[in-house]
C-alpha atoms as a PDB file:
ATOM      1  CA  UNK A   1      77.567  80.183  63.446  1.00  0.00           C
ATOM      2  CA  UNK A   2      80.922  81.909  63.823  1.00  0.00           C
ATOM      3  CA  UNK A   3      81.518  85.515  64.789  1.00  0.00           C
ATOM      4  CA  UNK A   4      82.490  86.309  61.202  1.00  0.00           C
ATOM      5  CA  UNK A   5      79.181  84.948  59.887  1.00  0.00           C
ATOM      6  CA  UNK A   6      77.288  86.998  62.465  1.00  0.00           C
ATOM      7  CA  UNK A   7      79.204  90.133  61.498  1.00  0.00           C
ATOM      8  CA  UNK A   8      78.545  89.488  57.808  1.00  0.00           C
ATOM      9  CA  UNK A   9      74.832  88.987  58.459  1.00  0.00           C
ATOM     10  CA  UNK A  10      74.645  92.193  60.503  1.00  0.00           C
ATOM     11  CA  UNK A  11      76.462  94.195  57.817  1.00  0.00           C
ATOM     12  CA  UNK A  12      74.150  92.887  55.094  1.00  0.00           C
ATOM     13  CA  UNK A  13      71.115  93.782  57.220  1.00  0.00           C
ATOM     14  CA  UNK A  14      72.552  97.272  57.795  1.00  0.00           C
ATOM     15  CA  UNK A  15      73.099  97.683  54.052  1.00  0.00           C
ATOM     16  CA  UNK A  16      69.510  96.622  53.401  1.00  0.00           C
ATOM     17  CA  UNK A  17      68.249  99.106  55.981  1.00  0.00           C
ATOM     18  CA  UNK A  18      70.273 101.891  54.347  1.00  0.00           C
ATOM     19  CA  UNK A  19      68.857 101.033  50.925  1.00  0.00           C
ATOM     20  CA  UNK A  20      65.334 101.069  52.373  1.00  0.00           C
ATOM     21  CA  UNK A  21      65.931 104.436  54.059  1.00  0.00           C
ATOM     22  CA  UNK A  22      67.362 105.872  50.848  1.00  0.00           C
ATOM     23  CA  UNK A  23      64.295 104.599  49.000  1.00  0.00           C
ATOM     24  CA  UNK A  24      61.983 106.341  51.459  1.00  0.00           C
ATOM     25  CA  UNK A  25      63.894 109.612  51.111  1.00  0.00           C
ATOM     26  CA  UNK A  26      63.857 109.187  47.349  1.00  0.00           C
ATOM     27  CA  UNK A  27      60.076 108.849  47.329  1.00  0.00           C
ATOM     28  CA  UNK A  28      59.862 112.119  49.250  1.00  0.00           C
ATOM     29  CA  UNK A  29      62.081 113.798  46.631  1.00  0.00           C
ATOM     30  CA  UNK A  30      59.966 112.417  43.785  1.00  0.00           C
ATOM     31  CA  UNK A  31      56.752 113.569  45.470  1.00  0.00           C
ATOM     32  CA  UNK A  32      57.882 117.014  46.629  1.00  0.00           C
ATOM     33  CA  UNK A  33      60.679 117.828  44.178  1.00  0.00           C
ATOM     34  CA  UNK A  34      60.496 121.536  43.404  1.00  0.00           C
ATOM     35  CA  UNK A  35      61.428 121.128  39.763  1.00  0.00           C
ATOM     36  CA  UNK A  36      60.911 118.567  37.069  1.00  0.00           C
ATOM     37  CA  UNK A  37      64.674 118.030  36.917  1.00  0.00           C
ATOM     38  CA  UNK A  38      64.706 117.022  40.607  1.00  0.00           C
ATOM     39  CA  UNK A  39      62.002 114.476  39.932  1.00  0.00           C
ATOM     40  CA  UNK A  40      63.780 113.156  36.838  1.00  0.00           C
ATOM     41  CA  UNK A  41      67.057 112.732  38.695  1.00  0.00           C
ATOM     42  CA  UNK A  42      65.242 111.032  41.574  1.00  0.00           C
ATOM     43  CA  UNK A  43      63.606 108.598  39.170  1.00  0.00           C
ATOM     44  CA  UNK A  44      67.040 107.909  37.737  1.00  0.00           C
ATOM     45  CA  UNK A  45      68.372 107.140  41.211  1.00  0.00           C
ATOM     46  CA  UNK A  46      65.600 104.544  41.555  1.00  0.00           C
ATOM     47  CA  UNK A  47      67.549 102.322  39.151  1.00  0.00           C
ATOM     48  CA  UNK A  48      70.654 102.649  41.314  1.00  0.00           C
ATOM     49  CA  UNK A  49      68.705 101.805  44.467  1.00  0.00           C
ATOM     50  CA  UNK A  50      67.090  98.792  42.849  1.00  0.00           C
ATOM     51  CA  UNK A  51      70.542  97.649  41.751  1.00  0.00           C
ATOM     52  CA  UNK A  52      71.831  98.120  45.304  1.00  0.00           C
ATOM     53  CA  UNK A  53      68.866  96.215  46.709  1.00  0.00           C
ATOM     54  CA  UNK A  54      69.490  93.332  44.330  1.00  0.00           C
ATOM     55  CA  UNK A  55      73.147  93.410  45.384  1.00  0.00           C
ATOM     56  CA  UNK A  56      72.111  93.112  49.033  1.00  0.00           C
ATOM     57  CA  UNK A  57      69.869  90.166  48.152  1.00  0.00           C
ATOM     58  CA  UNK A  58      72.693  88.517  46.199  1.00  0.00           C
ATOM     59  CA  UNK A  59      75.023  88.952  49.174  1.00  0.00           C
ATOM     60  CA  UNK A  60      72.398  87.587  51.567  1.00  0.00           C
ATOM     61  CA  UNK A  61      71.771  84.514  49.414  1.00  0.00           C
ATOM     62  CA  UNK A  62      75.435  84.207  48.355  1.00  0.00           C
ATOM     63  CA  UNK A  63      74.153  83.692  44.832  1.00  0.00           C
ATOM     64  CA  UNK A  64      75.997  85.168  41.812  1.00  0.00           C
ATOM     65  CA  UNK A  65      72.900  84.752  39.613  1.00  0.00           C
ATOM     66  CA  UNK A  66      71.866  88.373  40.219  1.00  0.00           C
ATOM     67  CA  UNK A  67      75.080  89.963  38.899  1.00  0.00           C
ATOM     68  CA  UNK A  68      73.965  90.053  35.214  1.00  0.00           C
ATOM     69  CA  UNK A  69      70.609  91.470  36.305  1.00  0.00           C
ATOM     70  CA  UNK A  70      72.440  94.198  38.221  1.00  0.00           C
ATOM     71  CA  UNK A  71      74.566  94.996  35.163  1.00  0.00           C
ATOM     72  CA  UNK A  72      71.503  95.333  32.934  1.00  0.00           C
ATOM     73  CA  UNK A  73      69.768  97.605  35.444  1.00  0.00           C
ATOM     74  CA  UNK A  74      72.891  99.744  35.780  1.00  0.00           C
ATOM     75  CA  UNK A  75      73.054 100.071  31.985  1.00  0.00           C
ATOM     76  CA  UNK A  76      69.392 101.063  31.825  1.00  0.00           C
ATOM     77  CA  UNK A  77      69.965 103.646  34.543  1.00  0.00           C
ATOM     78  CA  UNK A  78      72.918 105.068  32.628  1.00  0.00           C
ATOM     79  CA  UNK A  79      70.978 105.332  29.380  1.00  0.00           C
ATOM     80  CA  UNK A  80      68.129 106.972  31.282  1.00  0.00           C
ATOM     81  CA  UNK A  81      70.548 109.549  32.686  1.00  0.00           C
ATOM     82  CA  UNK A  82      71.914 110.307  29.241  1.00  0.00           C
ATOM     83  CA  UNK A  83      68.403 110.631  27.823  1.00  0.00           C
ATOM     84  CA  UNK A  84      67.322 113.002  30.578  1.00  0.00           C
ATOM     85  CA  UNK A  85      70.466 115.097  30.162  1.00  0.00           C
ATOM     86  CA  UNK A  86      69.957 115.377  26.404  1.00  0.00           C
ATOM     87  CA  UNK A  87      66.311 116.335  26.850  1.00  0.00           C
ATOM     88  CA  UNK A  88      67.152 119.021  29.407  1.00  0.00           C
ATOM     89  CA  UNK A  89      70.032 120.326  27.247  1.00  0.00           C
ATOM     90  CA  UNK A  90      67.796 120.687  24.174  1.00  0.00           C
ATOM     91  CA  UNK A  91      65.001 122.298  26.173  1.00  0.00           C
ATOM     92  CA  UNK A  92      67.281 124.825  27.884  1.00  0.00           C
ATOM     93  CA  UNK A  93      69.263 125.834  24.791  1.00  0.00           C
ATOM     94  CA  UNK A  94      69.199 129.645  24.380  1.00  0.00           C
ATOM     95  CA  UNK A  95      67.777 131.172  21.230  1.00  0.00           C
ATOM     96  CA  UNK A  96      70.312 132.635  18.825  1.00  0.00           C
ATOM     97  CA  UNK A  97      70.467 136.419  18.698  1.00  0.00           C
ATOM     98  CA  UNK A  98      68.979 137.938  15.535  1.00  0.00           C
ATOM     99  CA  UNK A  99      71.489 139.252  13.033  1.00  0.00           C
ATOM    100  CA  UNK A 100      71.596 142.925  12.034  1.00  0.00           C
ATOM    101  CA  UNK A 101      69.793 142.296   8.761  1.00  0.00           C
ATOM    102  CA  UNK A 102      66.718 140.678  10.357  1.00  0.00           C
ATOM    103  CA  UNK A 103      63.648 142.876  10.922  1.00  0.00           C
ATOM    104  CA  UNK A 104      61.747 141.038  13.592  1.00  0.00           C
END
């Protein structure tokens, strides 16, 4: 095993450790998030972390099979973000002010 292979292995292990640490912190945010929006965003980040974890596995195995899976998960994460944003935007829309002719 050459020095370059050892360095590559160590970097992949470090990336996996960072993904695991981010996942642990993300679980804390999901559990303790002060608002529903914090929890929704944290659940959206789960897709990104899963994609990153699959990327680490693909790098470890040196197998390009996982790239389409990563693309599909990234697309699902994006559509989830858009759905959450639209839901929050509709929910937080202010009510229109009554006109002068309305007697409410």
